[in-house]
Amino acid sequence: MNVVLWILQGLTAAAYLGAGVLKLSQPPEKLAKTMNWVNHVPASTVKLVGTAELIGALGLVLPWATGIARVLTPIAAVGLAVTMIGALATHLRIKDSADRYVPAAVLLVLDVVVAVGRF
């Protein structure tokens, strides 16, 4: 089970790391071309989500890898799950097509599995 959790942590951390860096490094106008929800929230919210994803990605891996404050790994997974619940709510609110919210739903499930497995 430990190997499975490590794989899930690595995959989700990579996804969140990429998404977070993208949201923090690109202007909202450029992000809006591929992320419809960016048009419906303030630019500061996009940066906040990117920061949460970046910190969450580090929290999924570093505490468990270093053995320092391991409880932070499942807490990071719970925080990212809450972020994905917000993402799903936003996609549903703006009536995005299914292909826009499926990644958030998949990440939500993976976050819950990591949180339960590491608690």
C-alpha atoms as a PDB file:
ATOM      1  CA  MET A   1       0.000   0.000   0.000  1.00  0.00           C
ATOM      2  CA  ASN A   2       2.899   2.338   0.744  1.00  0.00           C
ATOM      3  CA  VAL A   3       4.156   2.069  -2.855  1.00  0.00           C
ATOM      4  CA  VAL A   4       0.692   2.816  -4.244  1.00  0.00           C
ATOM      5  CA  LEU A   5       0.392   5.877  -2.004  1.00  0.00           C
ATOM      6  CA  TRP A   6       3.823   7.089  -3.080  1.00  0.00           C
ATOM      7  CA  ILE A   7       2.842   6.743  -6.735  1.00  0.00           C
ATOM      8  CA  LEU A   8      -0.401   8.647  -6.130  1.00  0.00           C
ATOM      9  CA  GLN A   9       1.432  11.332  -4.156  1.00  0.00           C
ATOM     10  CA  GLY A  10       4.001  11.735  -6.935  1.00  0.00           C
ATOM     11  CA  LEU A  11       1.424  11.903  -9.719  1.00  0.00           C
ATOM     12  CA  THR A  12      -0.855  14.346  -7.943  1.00  0.00           C
ATOM     13  CA  ALA A  13       2.067  16.459  -6.767  1.00  0.00           C
ATOM     14  CA  ALA A  14       3.338  16.698 -10.353  1.00  0.00           C
ATOM     15  CA  ALA A  15      -0.113  17.715 -11.593  1.00  0.00           C
ATOM     16  CA  TYR A  16      -0.526  20.373  -8.909  1.00  0.00           C
ATOM     17  CA  LEU A  17       3.029  21.615  -9.323  1.00  0.00           C
ATOM     18  CA  GLY A  18       2.525  22.123 -13.051  1.00  0.00           C
ATOM     19  CA  ALA A  19      -0.880  23.745 -12.606  1.00  0.00           C
ATOM     20  CA  GLY A  20       0.337  26.009  -9.814  1.00  0.00           C
ATOM     21  CA  VAL A  21       3.409  27.197 -11.686  1.00  0.00           C
ATOM     22  CA  LEU A  22       1.283  27.844 -14.776  1.00  0.00           C
ATOM     23  CA  LYS A  23      -1.244  29.935 -12.837  1.00  0.00           C
ATOM     24  CA  LEU A  24       1.487  31.916 -11.107  1.00  0.00           C
ATOM     25  CA  SER A  25       3.641  32.540 -14.169  1.00  0.00           C
ATOM     26  CA  GLN A  26       1.054  33.408 -16.839  1.00  0.00           C
ATOM     27  CA  PRO A  27      -1.163  36.486 -17.050  1.00  0.00           C
ATOM     28  CA  PRO A  28      -4.900  35.792 -16.629  1.00  0.00           C
ATOM     29  CA  GLU A  29      -5.565  36.839 -20.226  1.00  0.00           C
ATOM     30  CA  LYS A  30      -3.353  34.042 -21.513  1.00  0.00           C
ATOM     31  CA  LEU A  31      -4.769  31.501 -19.048  1.00  0.00           C
ATOM     32  CA  ALA A  32      -8.317  32.389 -20.086  1.00  0.00           C
ATOM     33  CA  LYS A  33      -7.685  30.898 -23.529  1.00  0.00           C
ATOM     34  CA  THR A  34      -7.597  27.391 -22.048  1.00  0.00           C
ATOM     35  CA  MET A  35      -9.172  27.912 -18.616  1.00  0.00           C
ATOM     36  CA  ASN A  36     -12.658  29.374 -19.003  1.00  0.00           C
ATOM     37  CA  TRP A  37     -13.128  29.822 -15.251  1.00  0.00           C
ATOM     38  CA  VAL A  38     -10.410  32.488 -15.180  1.00  0.00           C
ATOM     39  CA  ASN A  39     -12.892  34.852 -16.874  1.00  0.00           C
ATOM     40  CA  HIS A  40     -15.279  34.473 -13.932  1.00  0.00           C
ATOM     41  CA  VAL A  41     -12.957  35.206 -10.986  1.00  0.00           C
ATOM     42  CA  PRO A  42     -10.605  38.052 -10.029  1.00  0.00           C
ATOM     43  CA  ALA A  43      -6.950  37.739 -11.053  1.00  0.00           C
ATOM     44  CA  SER A  44      -5.984  37.566  -7.378  1.00  0.00           C
ATOM     45  CA  THR A  45      -8.085  34.415  -7.005  1.00  0.00           C
ATOM     46  CA  VAL A  46      -6.207  32.763  -9.869  1.00  0.00           C
ATOM     47  CA  LYS A  47      -2.907  33.561  -8.140  1.00  0.00           C
ATOM     48  CA  LEU A  48      -4.275  32.314  -4.799  1.00  0.00           C
ATOM     49  CA  VAL A  49      -5.333  29.007  -6.352  1.00  0.00           C
ATOM     50  CA  GLY A  50      -1.920  28.676  -8.018  1.00  0.00           C
ATOM     51  CA  THR A  51      -0.159  29.319  -4.729  1.00  0.00           C
ATOM     52  CA  ALA A  52      -2.357  26.782  -2.917  1.00  0.00           C
ATOM     53  CA  GLU A  53      -1.626  24.184  -5.596  1.00  0.00           C
ATOM     54  CA  LEU A  54       2.107  24.824  -5.438  1.00  0.00           C
ATOM     55  CA  ILE A  55       2.275  24.629  -1.643  1.00  0.00           C
ATOM     56  CA  GLY A  56      -0.036  21.616  -1.650  1.00  0.00           C
ATOM     57  CA  ALA A  57       2.194  19.806  -4.157  1.00  0.00           C
ATOM     58  CA  LEU A  58       5.189  20.297  -1.879  1.00  0.00           C
ATOM     59  CA  GLY A  59       3.124  19.206   1.117  1.00  0.00           C
ATOM     60  CA  LEU A  60       2.134  15.966  -0.579  1.00  0.00           C
ATOM     61  CA  VAL A  61       5.722  14.832  -0.895  1.00  0.00           C
ATOM     62  CA  LEU A  62       8.221  16.635   1.339  1.00  0.00           C
ATOM     63  CA  PRO A  63       6.937  15.847   4.858  1.00  0.00           C
ATOM     64  CA  TRP A  64       6.577  12.125   4.162  1.00  0.00           C
ATOM     65  CA  ALA A  65       9.880  11.964   2.246  1.00  0.00           C
ATOM     66  CA  THR A  66      11.878  13.721   4.951  1.00  0.00           C
ATOM     67  CA  GLY A  67      10.099  12.153   7.909  1.00  0.00           C
ATOM     68  CA  ILE A  68       9.610  15.613   9.389  1.00  0.00           C
ATOM     69  CA  ALA A  69       6.050  16.399  10.489  1.00  0.00           C
ATOM     70  CA  ARG A  70       4.563  13.573   8.429  1.00  0.00           C
ATOM     71  CA  VAL A  71       1.066  14.618   9.458  1.00  0.00           C
ATOM     72  CA  LEU A  72       1.394  17.512   7.010  1.00  0.00           C
ATOM     73  CA  THR A  73       1.130  15.158   4.023  1.00  0.00           C
ATOM     74  CA  PRO A  74      -2.468  14.044   4.660  1.00  0.00           C
ATOM     75  CA  ILE A  75      -3.346  17.588   5.724  1.00  0.00           C
ATOM     76  CA  ALA A  76      -2.018  18.839   2.372  1.00  0.00           C
ATOM     77  CA  ALA A  77      -4.108  16.183   0.614  1.00  0.00           C
ATOM     78  CA  VAL A  78      -7.224  17.342   2.475  1.00  0.00           C
ATOM     79  CA  GLY A  79      -6.472  20.976   1.595  1.00  0.00           C
ATOM     80  CA  LEU A  80      -6.077  20.089  -2.061  1.00  0.00           C
ATOM     81  CA  ALA A  81      -9.297  18.052  -1.949  1.00  0.00           C
ATOM     82  CA  VAL A  82     -11.101  21.138  -0.642  1.00  0.00           C
ATOM     83  CA  THR A  83      -9.535  23.139  -3.471  1.00  0.00           C
ATOM     84  CA  MET A  84     -10.854  20.604  -5.984  1.00  0.00           C
ATOM     85  CA  ILE A  85     -14.329  20.782  -4.451  1.00  0.00           C
ATOM     86  CA  GLY A  86     -14.166  24.515  -5.078  1.00  0.00           C
ATOM     87  CA  ALA A  87     -12.961  23.866  -8.622  1.00  0.00           C
ATOM     88  CA  LEU A  88     -15.870  21.510  -9.282  1.00  0.00           C
ATOM     89  CA  ALA A  89     -18.345  24.004  -7.847  1.00  0.00           C
ATOM     90  CA  THR A  90     -16.919  26.742 -10.055  1.00  0.00           C
ATOM     91  CA  HIS A  91     -17.026  24.594 -13.201  1.00  0.00           C
ATOM     92  CA  LEU A  92     -20.612  23.582 -12.476  1.00  0.00           C
ATOM     93  CA  ARG A  93     -21.630  27.172 -11.643  1.00  0.00           C
ATOM     94  CA  ILE A  94     -20.348  28.528 -14.946  1.00  0.00           C
ATOM     95  CA  LYS A  95     -21.783  25.499 -16.786  1.00  0.00           C
ATOM     96  CA  ASP A  96     -18.510  24.243 -18.222  1.00  0.00           C
ATOM     97  CA  SER A  97     -18.600  21.115 -20.337  1.00  0.00           C
ATOM     98  CA  ALA A  98     -17.762  17.791 -18.668  1.00  0.00           C
ATOM     99  CA  ASP A  99     -14.259  17.663 -20.099  1.00  0.00           C
ATOM    100  CA  ARG A 100     -13.442  20.804 -18.093  1.00  0.00           C
ATOM    101  CA  TYR A 101     -14.315  19.409 -14.667  1.00  0.00           C
ATOM    102  CA  VAL A 102     -13.313  15.751 -15.011  1.00  0.00           C
ATOM    103  CA  PRO A 103      -9.641  16.467 -14.123  1.00  0.00           C
ATOM    104  CA  ALA A 104     -10.728  18.209 -10.918  1.00  0.00           C
ATOM    105  CA  ALA A 105     -12.965  15.256 -10.034  1.00  0.00           C
ATOM    106  CA  VAL A 106     -10.139  12.767 -10.637  1.00  0.00           C
ATOM    107  CA  LEU A 107      -7.710  14.818  -8.545  1.00  0.00           C
ATOM    108  CA  LEU A 108     -10.318  15.067  -5.785  1.00  0.00           C
ATOM    109  CA  VAL A 109     -10.591  11.280  -5.620  1.00  0.00           C
ATOM    110  CA  LEU A 110      -6.807  10.862  -5.617  1.00  0.00           C
ATOM    111  CA  ASP A 111      -6.452  13.470  -2.867  1.00  0.00           C
ATOM    112  CA  VAL A 112      -9.001  11.655  -0.716  1.00  0.00           C
ATOM    113  CA  VAL A 113      -7.213   8.329  -1.236  1.00  0.00           C
ATOM    114  CA  VAL A 114      -3.868   9.873  -0.226  1.00  0.00           C
ATOM    115  CA  ALA A 115      -5.408  11.611   2.802  1.00  0.00           C
ATOM    116  CA  VAL A 116      -7.107   8.449   4.061  1.00  0.00           C
ATOM    117  CA  GLY A 117      -4.062   6.303   3.327  1.00  0.00           C
ATOM    118  CA  ARG A 118      -1.630   8.609   5.111  1.00  0.00           C
ATOM    119  CA  PHE A 119      -3.810   9.435   8.125  1.00  0.00           C
END
